[in-house]
Amino acid sequence: MKYVKADAVLPDTLVRKIQKYVQGEYIYIPAELKKRKKWGENSGNRQYIKNRNETIKRRYKNGDKITKLVEEFFLSVHSIKKIIYDKK
């Protein structure tokens, strides 16, 4: 998130209206709901976890034991089971 001076991007009349409520402080203006990205979309983490989970499911179906997956992916038994038995 970067900061932008209000008077550089907003009309003077709007800046004066905002100054009635806040002066010399930071205001966060959120993105529109339809333009917001989900967690991990910018960094690629969302896709990484999706690929990792698919790999875990595939390897379990192909015969790998949960204990082997726990050691290899550095996850708890509980986490591996959640991934394997997920209905999605």
N, C-alpha and C. Protein backbone atom coordinates (compact mmCIF):
# COMPACT_ATOMS: atom_id res chain seq x y z
N MET A 1 0.85 -1.16 0.00
CA MET A 1 0.00 0.00 0.00
C MET A 1 0.90 1.23 0.00
N LYS A 2 0.60 2.15 -0.87
CA LYS A 2 1.38 3.39 -0.90
C LYS A 2 0.50 4.56 -0.53
N TYR A 3 1.13 5.60 -0.07
CA TYR A 3 0.40 6.79 0.31
C TYR A 3 0.42 7.79 -0.82
N VAL A 4 -0.71 8.44 -1.02
CA VAL A 4 -0.85 9.46 -2.06
C VAL A 4 -1.43 10.71 -1.40
N LYS A 5 -0.89 11.86 -1.76
CA LYS A 5 -1.43 13.11 -1.22
C LYS A 5 -2.80 13.35 -1.82
N ALA A 6 -3.75 13.62 -0.95
CA ALA A 6 -5.14 13.82 -1.39
C ALA A 6 -5.25 14.96 -2.38
N ASP A 7 -4.54 16.05 -2.11
CA ASP A 7 -4.67 17.20 -3.01
C ASP A 7 -4.04 16.96 -4.38
N ALA A 8 -3.28 15.89 -4.51
CA ALA A 8 -2.69 15.55 -5.81
C ALA A 8 -3.66 14.74 -6.68
N VAL A 9 -4.64 14.07 -6.05
CA VAL A 9 -5.53 13.21 -6.83
C VAL A 9 -7.02 13.55 -6.70
N LEU A 10 -7.38 14.36 -5.72
CA LEU A 10 -8.79 14.68 -5.51
C LEU A 10 -9.06 16.14 -5.84
N PRO A 11 -10.27 16.45 -6.26
CA PRO A 11 -10.63 17.86 -6.51
C PRO A 11 -10.60 18.67 -5.21
N ASP A 12 -10.29 19.95 -5.32
CA ASP A 12 -10.18 20.83 -4.14
C ASP A 12 -11.44 20.80 -3.29
N THR A 13 -12.59 20.79 -3.93
CA THR A 13 -13.85 20.81 -3.16
C THR A 13 -13.98 19.55 -2.29
N LEU A 14 -13.57 18.42 -2.82
CA LEU A 14 -13.64 17.18 -2.05
C LEU A 14 -12.63 17.18 -0.91
N VAL A 15 -11.43 17.69 -1.16
CA VAL A 15 -10.41 17.78 -0.10
C VAL A 15 -10.94 18.65 1.04
N ARG A 16 -11.58 19.78 0.72
CA ARG A 16 -12.12 20.65 1.77
C ARG A 16 -13.23 19.96 2.56
N LYS A 17 -14.05 19.16 1.90
CA LYS A 17 -15.10 18.42 2.60
C LYS A 17 -14.49 17.39 3.55
N ILE A 18 -13.48 16.71 3.09
CA ILE A 18 -12.81 15.70 3.94
C ILE A 18 -12.15 16.37 5.13
N GLN A 19 -11.58 17.56 4.92
CA GLN A 19 -10.90 18.28 6.01
C GLN A 19 -11.85 18.65 7.14
N LYS A 20 -13.15 18.66 6.88
CA LYS A 20 -14.11 18.92 7.96
C LYS A 20 -14.12 17.77 8.97
N TYR A 21 -13.72 16.58 8.53
CA TYR A 21 -13.74 15.39 9.38
C TYR A 21 -12.35 14.98 9.86
N VAL A 22 -11.34 15.14 9.00
CA VAL A 22 -9.98 14.69 9.32
C VAL A 22 -8.99 15.70 8.75
N GLN A 23 -8.01 16.07 9.59
CA GLN A 23 -6.96 16.97 9.11
C GLN A 23 -5.61 16.44 9.54
N GLY A 24 -4.70 16.31 8.59
CA GLY A 24 -3.33 15.89 8.89
C GLY A 24 -3.20 14.46 9.36
N GLU A 25 -4.17 13.62 9.05
CA GLU A 25 -4.13 12.21 9.46
C GLU A 25 -4.19 11.33 8.22
N TYR A 26 -3.87 10.05 8.41
CA TYR A 26 -3.95 9.10 7.31
C TYR A 26 -5.36 8.52 7.26
N ILE A 27 -5.85 8.36 6.05
CA ILE A 27 -7.15 7.72 5.84
C ILE A 27 -6.93 6.57 4.87
N TYR A 28 -7.43 5.42 5.23
CA TYR A 28 -7.37 4.26 4.33
C TYR A 28 -8.67 4.20 3.54
N ILE A 29 -8.57 4.18 2.24
CA ILE A 29 -9.75 4.05 1.38
C ILE A 29 -9.67 2.67 0.74
N PRO A 30 -10.55 1.76 1.15
CA PRO A 30 -10.47 0.39 0.64
C PRO A 30 -10.86 0.30 -0.84
N ALA A 31 -10.37 -0.74 -1.48
CA ALA A 31 -10.75 -1.00 -2.87
C ALA A 31 -12.21 -1.44 -2.92
N GLU A 32 -12.82 -1.27 -4.05
CA GLU A 32 -14.19 -1.75 -4.23
C GLU A 32 -14.20 -3.26 -4.02
N LEU A 33 -15.29 -3.78 -3.49
CA LEU A 33 -15.38 -5.21 -3.20
C LEU A 33 -15.09 -6.07 -4.42
N LYS A 34 -15.59 -5.68 -5.57
CA LYS A 34 -15.39 -6.50 -6.77
C LYS A 34 -13.95 -6.45 -7.28
N LYS A 35 -13.17 -5.48 -6.83
CA LYS A 35 -11.79 -5.36 -7.28
C LYS A 35 -10.79 -5.92 -6.27
N ARG A 36 -11.26 -6.32 -5.10
CA ARG A 36 -10.36 -6.85 -4.08
C ARG A 36 -9.86 -8.23 -4.48
N LYS A 37 -8.62 -8.49 -4.14
CA LYS A 37 -8.04 -9.80 -4.42
C LYS A 37 -8.06 -10.63 -3.14
N LYS A 38 -8.12 -11.92 -3.31
CA LYS A 38 -8.11 -12.82 -2.17
C LYS A 38 -6.68 -12.94 -1.63
N TRP A 39 -6.60 -13.47 -0.40
CA TRP A 39 -5.30 -13.65 0.22
C TRP A 39 -4.39 -14.47 -0.70
N GLY A 40 -3.17 -14.01 -0.86
CA GLY A 40 -2.15 -14.76 -1.58
C GLY A 40 -2.17 -14.64 -3.09
N GLU A 41 -3.12 -13.90 -3.64
CA GLU A 41 -3.16 -13.78 -5.09
C GLU A 41 -2.02 -12.93 -5.63
N ASN A 42 -1.66 -11.87 -4.94
CA ASN A 42 -0.56 -11.02 -5.40
C ASN A 42 0.79 -11.72 -5.28
N SER A 43 1.00 -12.41 -4.18
CA SER A 43 2.30 -13.01 -3.90
C SER A 43 2.49 -14.37 -4.57
N GLY A 44 1.39 -15.00 -4.98
CA GLY A 44 1.49 -16.34 -5.57
C GLY A 44 1.35 -17.44 -4.54
N ASN A 45 1.22 -17.09 -3.26
CA ASN A 45 1.10 -18.11 -2.22
C ASN A 45 -0.16 -18.95 -2.36
N ARG A 46 -1.24 -18.33 -2.81
CA ARG A 46 -2.50 -19.06 -2.98
C ARG A 46 -2.32 -20.21 -3.97
N GLN A 47 -1.68 -19.93 -5.10
CA GLN A 47 -1.45 -20.95 -6.12
C GLN A 47 -0.47 -22.01 -5.63
N TYR A 48 0.56 -21.57 -4.89
CA TYR A 48 1.54 -22.51 -4.35
C TYR A 48 0.86 -23.53 -3.42
N ILE A 49 0.00 -23.05 -2.52
CA ILE A 49 -0.67 -23.94 -1.58
C ILE A 49 -1.64 -24.86 -2.31
N LYS A 50 -2.32 -24.34 -3.31
CA LYS A 50 -3.23 -25.19 -4.10
C LYS A 50 -2.45 -26.32 -4.77
N ASN A 51 -1.33 -25.99 -5.39
CA ASN A 51 -0.49 -27.01 -6.04
C ASN A 51 0.05 -28.02 -5.03
N ARG A 52 0.51 -27.52 -3.87
CA ARG A 52 1.03 -28.41 -2.83
C ARG A 52 -0.04 -29.38 -2.37
N ASN A 53 -1.24 -28.87 -2.12
CA ASN A 53 -2.33 -29.72 -1.63
C ASN A 53 -2.73 -30.77 -2.67
N GLU A 54 -2.74 -30.38 -3.94
CA GLU A 54 -3.04 -31.35 -5.00
C GLU A 54 -1.98 -32.44 -5.06
N THR A 55 -0.73 -32.05 -4.87
CA THR A 55 0.36 -33.03 -4.85
C THR A 55 0.20 -33.99 -3.69
N ILE A 56 -0.14 -33.47 -2.52
CA ILE A 56 -0.33 -34.31 -1.34
C ILE A 56 -1.47 -35.30 -1.58
N LYS A 57 -2.59 -34.84 -2.12
CA LYS A 57 -3.74 -35.72 -2.39
C LYS A 57 -3.36 -36.82 -3.38
N ARG A 58 -2.69 -36.43 -4.45
CA ARG A 58 -2.29 -37.39 -5.49
C ARG A 58 -1.34 -38.45 -4.93
N ARG A 59 -0.37 -38.01 -4.16
CA ARG A 59 0.61 -38.96 -3.62
C ARG A 59 -0.03 -39.90 -2.62
N TYR A 60 -0.99 -39.39 -1.84
CA TYR A 60 -1.70 -40.26 -0.89
C TYR A 60 -2.51 -41.31 -1.65
N LYS A 61 -3.19 -40.90 -2.72
CA LYS A 61 -3.96 -41.84 -3.53
C LYS A 61 -3.06 -42.87 -4.20
N ASN A 62 -1.82 -42.48 -4.48
CA ASN A 62 -0.86 -43.40 -5.11
C ASN A 62 -0.12 -44.26 -4.10
N GLY A 63 -0.49 -44.16 -2.81
CA GLY A 63 0.06 -45.08 -1.82
C GLY A 63 1.01 -44.52 -0.79
N ASP A 64 1.37 -43.25 -0.87
CA ASP A 64 2.25 -42.69 0.16
C ASP A 64 1.53 -42.67 1.50
N LYS A 65 2.23 -42.96 2.55
CA LYS A 65 1.68 -42.96 3.92
C LYS A 65 1.64 -41.53 4.44
N ILE A 66 0.70 -41.30 5.34
CA ILE A 66 0.55 -39.97 5.95
C ILE A 66 1.84 -39.56 6.66
N THR A 67 2.47 -40.49 7.35
CA THR A 67 3.71 -40.16 8.08
C THR A 67 4.81 -39.69 7.13
N LYS A 68 4.87 -40.28 5.94
CA LYS A 68 5.87 -39.84 4.95
C LYS A 68 5.55 -38.43 4.47
N LEU A 69 4.27 -38.14 4.22
CA LEU A 69 3.86 -36.81 3.76
C LEU A 69 4.11 -35.75 4.83
N VAL A 70 3.88 -36.13 6.09
CA VAL A 70 4.14 -35.22 7.21
C VAL A 70 5.60 -34.79 7.21
N GLU A 71 6.50 -35.75 7.08
CA GLU A 71 7.94 -35.45 7.10
C GLU A 71 8.37 -34.64 5.88
N GLU A 72 7.84 -34.97 4.75
CA GLU A 72 8.27 -34.32 3.52
C GLU A 72 7.75 -32.89 3.37
N PHE A 73 6.52 -32.65 3.80
CA PHE A 73 5.91 -31.33 3.61
C PHE A 73 5.93 -30.48 4.87
N PHE A 74 6.50 -31.01 5.94
CA PHE A 74 6.65 -30.27 7.20
C PHE A 74 5.29 -29.77 7.72
N LEU A 75 4.28 -30.64 7.65
CA LEU A 75 2.96 -30.34 8.16
C LEU A 75 2.60 -31.35 9.23
N SER A 76 1.63 -31.01 10.06
CA SER A 76 1.18 -31.93 11.11
C SER A 76 0.31 -33.03 10.49
N VAL A 77 0.14 -34.10 11.24
CA VAL A 77 -0.74 -35.18 10.80
C VAL A 77 -2.14 -34.62 10.57
N HIS A 78 -2.60 -33.78 11.48
CA HIS A 78 -3.93 -33.18 11.36
C HIS A 78 -4.05 -32.38 10.06
N SER A 79 -3.04 -31.59 9.73
CA SER A 79 -3.09 -30.79 8.50
C SER A 79 -3.11 -31.67 7.25
N ILE A 80 -2.31 -32.71 7.24
CA ILE A 80 -2.28 -33.63 6.10
C ILE A 80 -3.65 -34.29 5.94
N LYS A 81 -4.25 -34.72 7.05
CA LYS A 81 -5.57 -35.35 6.97
C LYS A 81 -6.62 -34.39 6.46
N LYS A 82 -6.56 -33.13 6.88
CA LYS A 82 -7.51 -32.13 6.40
C LYS A 82 -7.40 -31.97 4.89
N ILE A 83 -6.18 -31.99 4.39
CA ILE A 83 -5.96 -31.83 2.95
C ILE A 83 -6.46 -33.07 2.21
N ILE A 84 -6.12 -34.23 2.70
CA ILE A 84 -6.47 -35.48 2.03
C ILE A 84 -7.98 -35.70 1.99
N TYR A 85 -8.65 -35.44 3.09
CA TYR A 85 -10.08 -35.73 3.20
C TYR A 85 -10.99 -34.56 2.82
N ASP A 86 -10.38 -33.47 2.30
CA ASP A 86 -11.16 -32.32 1.87
C ASP A 86 -12.04 -32.72 0.70
N LYS A 87 -13.30 -32.33 0.73
CA LYS A 87 -14.29 -32.74 -0.29
C LYS A 87 -14.22 -31.87 -1.55
N LYS A 88 -13.48 -30.79 -1.54
CA LYS A 88 -13.44 -29.88 -2.70
C LYS A 88 -12.71 -30.50 -3.86
